[in-house]
């Protein structure tokens, strides 16, 4: 078993891209939940036992190099299965004046919030993780007829490297959660016998428990009765 206490670099960095050539690559294949952990014990795709113990607030990203041994020509690289991301561009609206931009942001925020879709905003770009099928999310965008707004879908792996850890968790940490759906509220259960509510001739109102509702009324008179 090897212990990982730091992230060495990224496979796309020129230095590591060269170092990894010709090496036996162990892939640490993680889902989005496990990628947000800094304490983890698991295995690579080639059976290498791995114990992850990263510093607090340090999180793994797709392509991170966790282990490298020049003697044995082995390396361990993170592979994270990420869902696609809806990318919404509002830069065109921003160029047409503050009033249009404000209205666009309000309408877009209302639409996304109504669907309970999480989002990350960077500049004039809004990133929304797929919580339902692409066709459904595309239909929602078309239904609202947003003016001067463009959108498309890209793999999550193309986005995550540019996100801060808290942004990454917001987009991807709940990937396996059940999508939210609005459903009719259930009918209330039968409350059983209702207490007897009545008014007296002096204007006061009170009720009796069901068991006492059949009490003898000889002790007092009700409004409208002699």
C-alpha atoms as a PDB file:
ATOM      1  CA  UNK A   1       0.000   0.000   0.000  1.00  0.00           C
ATOM      2  CA  UNK A   2       1.197   3.524  -0.754  1.00  0.00           C
ATOM      3  CA  UNK A   3       0.309   6.587   1.289  1.00  0.00           C
ATOM      4  CA  UNK A   4      -0.600   9.781  -0.591  1.00  0.00           C
ATOM      5  CA  UNK A   5      -0.209  12.962   1.450  1.00  0.00           C
ATOM      6  CA  UNK A   6       0.127  15.538  -1.326  1.00  0.00           C
ATOM      7  CA  UNK A   7      -0.695  16.171  -4.973  1.00  0.00           C
ATOM      8  CA  UNK A   8       2.448  16.226  -7.123  1.00  0.00           C
ATOM      9  CA  UNK A   9       1.050  18.021 -10.152  1.00  0.00           C
ATOM     10  CA  UNK A  10      -1.228  17.560 -13.148  1.00  0.00           C
ATOM     11  CA  UNK A  11      -0.815  15.321 -16.162  1.00  0.00           C
ATOM     12  CA  UNK A  12      -1.398  18.278 -18.516  1.00  0.00           C
ATOM     13  CA  UNK A  13       1.492  20.284 -17.068  1.00  0.00           C
ATOM     14  CA  UNK A  14       4.422  20.177 -19.532  1.00  0.00           C
ATOM     15  CA  UNK A  15       6.752  18.725 -16.897  1.00  0.00           C
ATOM     16  CA  UNK A  16       4.415  15.892 -15.944  1.00  0.00           C
ATOM     17  CA  UNK A  17       3.277  15.231 -19.489  1.00  0.00           C
ATOM     18  CA  UNK A  18       6.904  14.425 -20.282  1.00  0.00           C
ATOM     19  CA  UNK A  19       7.547  12.487 -17.063  1.00  0.00           C
ATOM     20  CA  UNK A  20       4.558  10.205 -17.612  1.00  0.00           C
ATOM     21  CA  UNK A  21       5.562   9.133 -21.102  1.00  0.00           C
ATOM     22  CA  UNK A  22       6.342   5.423 -21.229  1.00  0.00           C
ATOM     23  CA  UNK A  23       5.424   4.869 -17.594  1.00  0.00           C
ATOM     24  CA  UNK A  24       2.978   2.315 -16.217  1.00  0.00           C
ATOM     25  CA  UNK A  25      -0.028   4.439 -15.324  1.00  0.00           C
ATOM     26  CA  UNK A  26      -2.236   3.409 -12.455  1.00  0.00           C
ATOM     27  CA  UNK A  27      -5.585   5.166 -12.679  1.00  0.00           C
ATOM     28  CA  UNK A  28      -7.377   6.082  -9.494  1.00  0.00           C
ATOM     29  CA  UNK A  29     -10.935   6.044 -10.794  1.00  0.00           C
ATOM     30  CA  UNK A  30     -13.238   8.021  -8.520  1.00  0.00           C
ATOM     31  CA  UNK A  31     -16.829   9.129  -8.607  1.00  0.00           C
ATOM     32  CA  UNK A  32     -17.727  12.687  -7.776  1.00  0.00           C
ATOM     33  CA  UNK A  33     -18.479  11.907  -4.139  1.00  0.00           C
ATOM     34  CA  UNK A  34     -15.109  10.288  -3.430  1.00  0.00           C
ATOM     35  CA  UNK A  35     -13.244  13.018  -5.295  1.00  0.00           C
ATOM     36  CA  UNK A  36     -14.378  15.496  -2.633  1.00  0.00           C
ATOM     37  CA  UNK A  37     -12.776  13.483   0.173  1.00  0.00           C
ATOM     38  CA  UNK A  38      -9.274  14.081   1.491  1.00  0.00           C
ATOM     39  CA  UNK A  39      -9.299  10.836   3.480  1.00  0.00           C
ATOM     40  CA  UNK A  40      -9.849   7.692   1.434  1.00  0.00           C
ATOM     41  CA  UNK A  41      -8.637   4.116   1.099  1.00  0.00           C
ATOM     42  CA  UNK A  42      -9.101   2.437  -2.258  1.00  0.00           C
ATOM     43  CA  UNK A  43      -7.374   0.660  -5.185  1.00  0.00           C
ATOM     44  CA  UNK A  44      -6.156   1.735  -8.602  1.00  0.00           C
ATOM     45  CA  UNK A  45      -7.428   0.092 -11.770  1.00  0.00           C
ATOM     46  CA  UNK A  46      -4.306  -2.126 -11.734  1.00  0.00           C
ATOM     47  CA  UNK A  47      -4.836  -3.211  -8.139  1.00  0.00           C
ATOM     48  CA  UNK A  48      -2.458  -0.856  -6.342  1.00  0.00           C
ATOM     49  CA  UNK A  49      -3.728  -0.274  -2.793  1.00  0.00           C
ATOM     50  CA  UNK A  50      -3.843   3.430  -2.012  1.00  0.00           C
ATOM     51  CA  UNK A  51      -4.434   5.388   1.197  1.00  0.00           C
ATOM     52  CA  UNK A  52      -5.278   9.061   0.617  1.00  0.00           C
ATOM     53  CA  UNK A  53      -4.506  11.478   3.456  1.00  0.00           C
ATOM     54  CA  UNK A  54      -4.452  14.979   1.996  1.00  0.00           C
ATOM     55  CA  UNK A  55      -4.283  18.234   3.946  1.00  0.00           C
ATOM     56  CA  UNK A  56      -7.558  19.821   4.967  1.00  0.00           C
ATOM     57  CA  UNK A  57      -9.247  21.740   2.110  1.00  0.00           C
ATOM     58  CA  UNK A  58      -7.083  19.914  -0.434  1.00  0.00           C
ATOM     59  CA  UNK A  59      -9.156  18.003  -2.973  1.00  0.00           C
ATOM     60  CA  UNK A  60      -8.335  15.799  -5.936  1.00  0.00           C
ATOM     61  CA  UNK A  61      -9.102  16.860  -9.487  1.00  0.00           C
ATOM     62  CA  UNK A  62      -9.252  14.888 -12.697  1.00  0.00           C
ATOM     63  CA  UNK A  63      -5.699  14.441 -14.003  1.00  0.00           C
ATOM     64  CA  UNK A  64      -3.884  15.013 -10.714  1.00  0.00           C
ATOM     65  CA  UNK A  65      -0.637  13.053 -10.328  1.00  0.00           C
ATOM     66  CA  UNK A  66      -0.560  11.456  -6.881  1.00  0.00           C
ATOM     67  CA  UNK A  67       2.408   9.122  -7.122  1.00  0.00           C
ATOM     68  CA  UNK A  68       5.520   8.792  -9.281  1.00  0.00           C
ATOM     69  CA  UNK A  69       8.383   6.311  -8.993  1.00  0.00           C
ATOM     70  CA  UNK A  70      11.114   6.660 -11.612  1.00  0.00           C
ATOM     71  CA  UNK A  71      12.768   3.438 -10.438  1.00  0.00           C
ATOM     72  CA  UNK A  72       9.762   1.210 -11.059  1.00  0.00           C
ATOM     73  CA  UNK A  73       8.426   3.456 -13.852  1.00  0.00           C
ATOM     74  CA  UNK A  74       5.028   3.689 -12.197  1.00  0.00           C
ATOM     75  CA  UNK A  75       2.691   6.611 -11.657  1.00  0.00           C
ATOM     76  CA  UNK A  76      -0.763   7.121 -10.192  1.00  0.00           C
ATOM     77  CA  UNK A  77      -3.159   9.556 -11.871  1.00  0.00           C
ATOM     78  CA  UNK A  78      -6.670  10.565 -10.807  1.00  0.00           C
ATOM     79  CA  UNK A  79      -9.594   9.957 -13.152  1.00  0.00           C
ATOM     80  CA  UNK A  80     -12.929  11.381 -12.041  1.00  0.00           C
ATOM     81  CA  UNK A  81     -16.208  10.450 -13.692  1.00  0.00           C
ATOM     82  CA  UNK A  82     -17.940  13.809 -13.992  1.00  0.00           C
ATOM     83  CA  UNK A  83     -21.381  14.579 -15.334  1.00  0.00           C
ATOM     84  CA  UNK A  84     -21.770  17.093 -18.135  1.00  0.00           C
ATOM     85  CA  UNK A  85     -22.272  20.772 -17.430  1.00  0.00           C
ATOM     86  CA  UNK A  86     -24.710  23.272 -18.919  1.00  0.00           C
ATOM     87  CA  UNK A  87     -22.762  26.414 -19.833  1.00  0.00           C
ATOM     88  CA  UNK A  88     -24.818  29.619 -20.087  1.00  0.00           C
ATOM     89  CA  UNK A  89     -23.174  32.702 -21.618  1.00  0.00           C
ATOM     90  CA  UNK A  90     -24.660  36.122 -20.817  1.00  0.00           C
ATOM     91  CA  UNK A  91     -21.845  38.342 -22.138  1.00  0.00           C
ATOM     92  CA  UNK A  92     -23.975  39.489 -25.079  1.00  0.00           C
ATOM     93  CA  UNK A  93     -26.666  40.760 -22.710  1.00  0.00           C
ATOM     94  CA  UNK A  94     -23.983  42.477 -20.639  1.00  0.00           C
ATOM     95  CA  UNK A  95     -22.911  44.463 -23.686  1.00  0.00           C
ATOM     96  CA  UNK A  96     -26.403  45.854 -24.247  1.00  0.00           C
ATOM     97  CA  UNK A  97     -26.708  47.864 -21.065  1.00  0.00           C
ATOM     98  CA  UNK A  98     -27.191  47.376 -17.333  1.00  0.00           C
ATOM     99  CA  UNK A  99     -30.995  47.263 -17.491  1.00  0.00           C
ATOM    100  CA  UNK A 100     -31.061  44.336 -19.912  1.00  0.00           C
ATOM    101  CA  UNK A 101     -28.315  42.568 -17.973  1.00  0.00           C
ATOM    102  CA  UNK A 102     -30.194  42.977 -14.687  1.00  0.00           C
ATOM    103  CA  UNK A 103     -33.422  41.661 -16.209  1.00  0.00           C
ATOM    104  CA  UNK A 104     -31.613  38.725 -17.811  1.00  0.00           C
ATOM    105  CA  UNK A 105     -29.902  37.795 -14.538  1.00  0.00           C
ATOM    106  CA  UNK A 106     -33.177  38.027 -12.630  1.00  0.00           C
ATOM    107  CA  UNK A 107     -35.100  35.892 -15.134  1.00  0.00           C
ATOM    108  CA  UNK A 108     -32.297  33.352 -15.432  1.00  0.00           C
ATOM    109  CA  UNK A 109     -31.907  33.108 -11.661  1.00  0.00           C
ATOM    110  CA  UNK A 110     -35.644  32.610 -11.267  1.00  0.00           C
ATOM    111  CA  UNK A 111     -35.684  29.845 -13.889  1.00  0.00           C
ATOM    112  CA  UNK A 112     -32.713  27.984 -12.398  1.00  0.00           C
ATOM    113  CA  UNK A 113     -33.952  28.423  -8.846  1.00  0.00           C
ATOM    114  CA  UNK A 114     -37.404  27.149  -9.758  1.00  0.00           C
ATOM    115  CA  UNK A 115     -35.765  23.915 -10.938  1.00  0.00           C
ATOM    116  CA  UNK A 116     -33.540  23.786  -7.825  1.00  0.00           C
ATOM    117  CA  UNK A 117     -30.445  23.622 -10.067  1.00  0.00           C
ATOM    118  CA  UNK A 118     -27.148  24.581  -8.387  1.00  0.00           C
ATOM    119  CA  UNK A 119     -24.928  26.956 -10.321  1.00  0.00           C
ATOM    120  CA  UNK A 120     -21.522  28.604 -10.288  1.00  0.00           C
ATOM    121  CA  UNK A 121     -21.018  32.049 -11.830  1.00  0.00           C
ATOM    122  CA  UNK A 122     -17.625  33.061 -13.200  1.00  0.00           C
ATOM    123  CA  UNK A 123     -17.592  36.373 -15.033  1.00  0.00           C
ATOM    124  CA  UNK A 124     -20.427  36.340 -17.553  1.00  0.00           C
ATOM    125  CA  UNK A 125     -20.596  32.533 -17.629  1.00  0.00           C
ATOM    126  CA  UNK A 126     -22.946  30.383 -15.550  1.00  0.00           C
ATOM    127  CA  UNK A 127     -22.144  26.695 -15.014  1.00  0.00           C
ATOM    128  CA  UNK A 128     -24.987  24.321 -14.133  1.00  0.00           C
ATOM    129  CA  UNK A 129     -24.416  20.571 -13.571  1.00  0.00           C
ATOM    130  CA  UNK A 130     -26.725  18.114 -15.272  1.00  0.00           C
ATOM    131  CA  UNK A 131     -29.324  16.990 -12.765  1.00  0.00           C
ATOM    132  CA  UNK A 132     -31.693  15.621 -15.410  1.00  0.00           C
ATOM    133  CA  UNK A 133     -31.356  14.615 -19.063  1.00  0.00           C
ATOM    134  CA  UNK A 134     -29.779  17.125 -21.457  1.00  0.00           C
ATOM    135  CA  UNK A 135     -33.008  17.248 -23.467  1.00  0.00           C
ATOM    136  CA  UNK A 136     -34.969  18.274 -20.382  1.00  0.00           C
ATOM    137  CA  UNK A 137     -32.521  21.009 -19.420  1.00  0.00           C
ATOM    138  CA  UNK A 138     -32.403  22.256 -22.993  1.00  0.00           C
ATOM    139  CA  UNK A 139     -36.193  22.331 -23.077  1.00  0.00           C
ATOM    140  CA  UNK A 140     -36.277  24.458 -19.919  1.00  0.00           C
ATOM    141  CA  UNK A 141     -33.873  26.950 -21.472  1.00  0.00           C
ATOM    142  CA  UNK A 142     -35.875  27.145 -24.705  1.00  0.00           C
ATOM    143  CA  UNK A 143     -39.176  27.507 -22.886  1.00  0.00           C
ATOM    144  CA  UNK A 144     -38.036  30.720 -21.202  1.00  0.00           C
ATOM    145  CA  UNK A 145     -36.920  32.333 -24.486  1.00  0.00           C
ATOM    146  CA  UNK A 146     -33.973  34.161 -22.937  1.00  0.00           C
ATOM    147  CA  UNK A 147     -32.831  36.966 -25.223  1.00  0.00           C
ATOM    148  CA  UNK A 148     -29.131  37.449 -25.932  1.00  0.00           C
ATOM    149  CA  UNK A 149     -28.248  34.294 -23.997  1.00  0.00           C
ATOM    150  CA  UNK A 150     -26.314  31.352 -25.449  1.00  0.00           C
ATOM    151  CA  UNK A 151     -25.976  27.908 -23.926  1.00  0.00           C
ATOM    152  CA  UNK A 152     -24.326  24.583 -24.673  1.00  0.00           C
ATOM    153  CA  UNK A 153     -23.200  21.423 -22.884  1.00  0.00           C
ATOM    154  CA  UNK A 154     -19.625  20.318 -22.215  1.00  0.00           C
ATOM    155  CA  UNK A 155     -18.028  17.453 -20.259  1.00  0.00           C
ATOM    156  CA  UNK A 156     -17.468  18.227 -16.604  1.00  0.00           C
ATOM    157  CA  UNK A 157     -13.795  17.305 -16.996  1.00  0.00           C
ATOM    158  CA  UNK A 158     -13.335  20.411 -19.160  1.00  0.00           C
ATOM    159  CA  UNK A 159     -14.614  22.661 -16.380  1.00  0.00           C
ATOM    160  CA  UNK A 160     -13.432  21.265 -13.070  1.00  0.00           C
ATOM    161  CA  UNK A 161      -9.789  22.227 -13.422  1.00  0.00           C
ATOM    162  CA  UNK A 162     -10.724  25.914 -13.520  1.00  0.00           C
ATOM    163  CA  UNK A 163     -12.924  25.785 -10.430  1.00  0.00           C
ATOM    164  CA  UNK A 164     -12.023  26.532  -6.849  1.00  0.00           C
ATOM    165  CA  UNK A 165     -12.609  23.610  -4.451  1.00  0.00           C
ATOM    166  CA  UNK A 166     -15.875  25.064  -3.101  1.00  0.00           C
ATOM    167  CA  UNK A 167     -17.120  25.672  -6.659  1.00  0.00           C
ATOM    168  CA  UNK A 168     -16.225  22.130  -7.655  1.00  0.00           C
ATOM    169  CA  UNK A 169     -18.158  20.750  -4.691  1.00  0.00           C
ATOM    170  CA  UNK A 170     -21.161  22.892  -5.566  1.00  0.00           C
ATOM    171  CA  UNK A 171     -21.281  21.576  -9.125  1.00  0.00           C
ATOM    172  CA  UNK A 172     -20.277  17.978  -8.659  1.00  0.00           C
ATOM    173  CA  UNK A 173     -20.556  16.813  -5.047  1.00  0.00           C
ATOM    174  CA  UNK A 174     -24.253  15.935  -5.398  1.00  0.00           C
ATOM    175  CA  UNK A 175     -23.948  14.102  -8.680  1.00  0.00           C
ATOM    176  CA  UNK A 176     -25.567  10.908  -7.472  1.00  0.00           C
ATOM    177  CA  UNK A 177     -28.438  12.619  -5.697  1.00  0.00           C
ATOM    178  CA  UNK A 178     -31.954  11.987  -6.889  1.00  0.00           C
ATOM    179  CA  UNK A 179     -33.115  14.850  -9.128  1.00  0.00           C
ATOM    180  CA  UNK A 180     -35.602  17.190  -7.520  1.00  0.00           C
ATOM    181  CA  UNK A 181     -39.184  17.004  -8.725  1.00  0.00           C
ATOM    182  CA  UNK A 182     -42.229  19.005  -7.802  1.00  0.00           C
ATOM    183  CA  UNK A 183     -45.015  16.684  -6.649  1.00  0.00           C
ATOM    184  CA  UNK A 184     -48.500  17.442  -5.345  1.00  0.00           C
ATOM    185  CA  UNK A 185     -48.678  17.726  -1.602  1.00  0.00           C
ATOM    186  CA  UNK A 186     -50.214  14.626   0.015  1.00  0.00           C
ATOM    187  CA  UNK A 187     -53.687  14.916   1.395  1.00  0.00           C
ATOM    188  CA  UNK A 188     -53.703  15.331   5.168  1.00  0.00           C
ATOM    189  CA  UNK A 189     -54.545  12.262   7.151  1.00  0.00           C
ATOM    190  CA  UNK A 190     -57.977  11.986   8.690  1.00  0.00           C
ATOM    191  CA  UNK A 191     -57.667  13.910  11.964  1.00  0.00           C
ATOM    192  CA  UNK A 192     -60.390  11.828  13.530  1.00  0.00           C
ATOM    193  CA  UNK A 193     -63.291  13.288  15.500  1.00  0.00           C
ATOM    194  CA  UNK A 194     -63.280  17.073  15.545  1.00  0.00           C
ATOM    195  CA  UNK A 195     -63.731  18.916  18.803  1.00  0.00           C
ATOM    196  CA  UNK A 196     -67.127  20.602  19.291  1.00  0.00           C
ATOM    197  CA  UNK A 197     -66.682  24.367  18.781  1.00  0.00           C
ATOM    198  CA  UNK A 198     -69.610  26.577  19.789  1.00  0.00           C
ATOM    199  CA  UNK A 199     -70.513  30.117  20.804  1.00  0.00           C
ATOM    200  CA  UNK A 200     -72.338  31.277  23.920  1.00  0.00           C
ATOM    201  CA  UNK A 201     -74.830  34.123  24.126  1.00  0.00           C
ATOM    202  CA  UNK A 202     -72.247  36.366  25.746  1.00  0.00           C
ATOM    203  CA  UNK A 203     -70.083  36.039  22.624  1.00  0.00           C
ATOM    204  CA  UNK A 204     -67.452  33.712  24.058  1.00  0.00           C
ATOM    205  CA  UNK A 205     -66.374  30.651  22.063  1.00  0.00           C
ATOM    206  CA  UNK A 206     -64.869  27.417  23.239  1.00  0.00           C
ATOM    207  CA  UNK A 207     -64.641  23.750  22.322  1.00  0.00           C
ATOM    208  CA  UNK A 208     -64.882  20.429  24.087  1.00  0.00           C
ATOM    209  CA  UNK A 209     -62.822  17.324  23.359  1.00  0.00           C
ATOM    210  CA  UNK A 210     -64.700  14.752  21.232  1.00  0.00           C
ATOM    211  CA  UNK A 211     -65.367  12.570  24.238  1.00  0.00           C
ATOM    212  CA  UNK A 212     -66.938  15.487  26.038  1.00  0.00           C
ATOM    213  CA  UNK A 213     -68.795  16.911  23.052  1.00  0.00           C
ATOM    214  CA  UNK A 214     -71.899  15.037  24.070  1.00  0.00           C
ATOM    215  CA  UNK A 215     -71.850  16.614  27.507  1.00  0.00           C
ATOM    216  CA  UNK A 216     -75.112  17.696  29.105  1.00  0.00           C
ATOM    217  CA  UNK A 217     -75.735  21.333  28.181  1.00  0.00           C
ATOM    218  CA  UNK A 218     -78.014  21.890  31.157  1.00  0.00           C
ATOM    219  CA  UNK A 219     -75.188  23.724  32.871  1.00  0.00           C
ATOM    220  CA  UNK A 220     -75.128  26.548  30.314  1.00  0.00           C
ATOM    221  CA  UNK A 221     -77.132  27.956  27.428  1.00  0.00           C
ATOM    222  CA  UNK A 222     -76.037  28.537  23.838  1.00  0.00           C
ATOM    223  CA  UNK A 223     -76.699  31.605  21.732  1.00  0.00           C
ATOM    224  CA  UNK A 224     -80.113  31.638  20.169  1.00  0.00           C
ATOM    225  CA  UNK A 225     -81.610  29.258  22.714  1.00  0.00           C
ATOM    226  CA  UNK A 226     -83.758  30.344  25.676  1.00  0.00           C
END
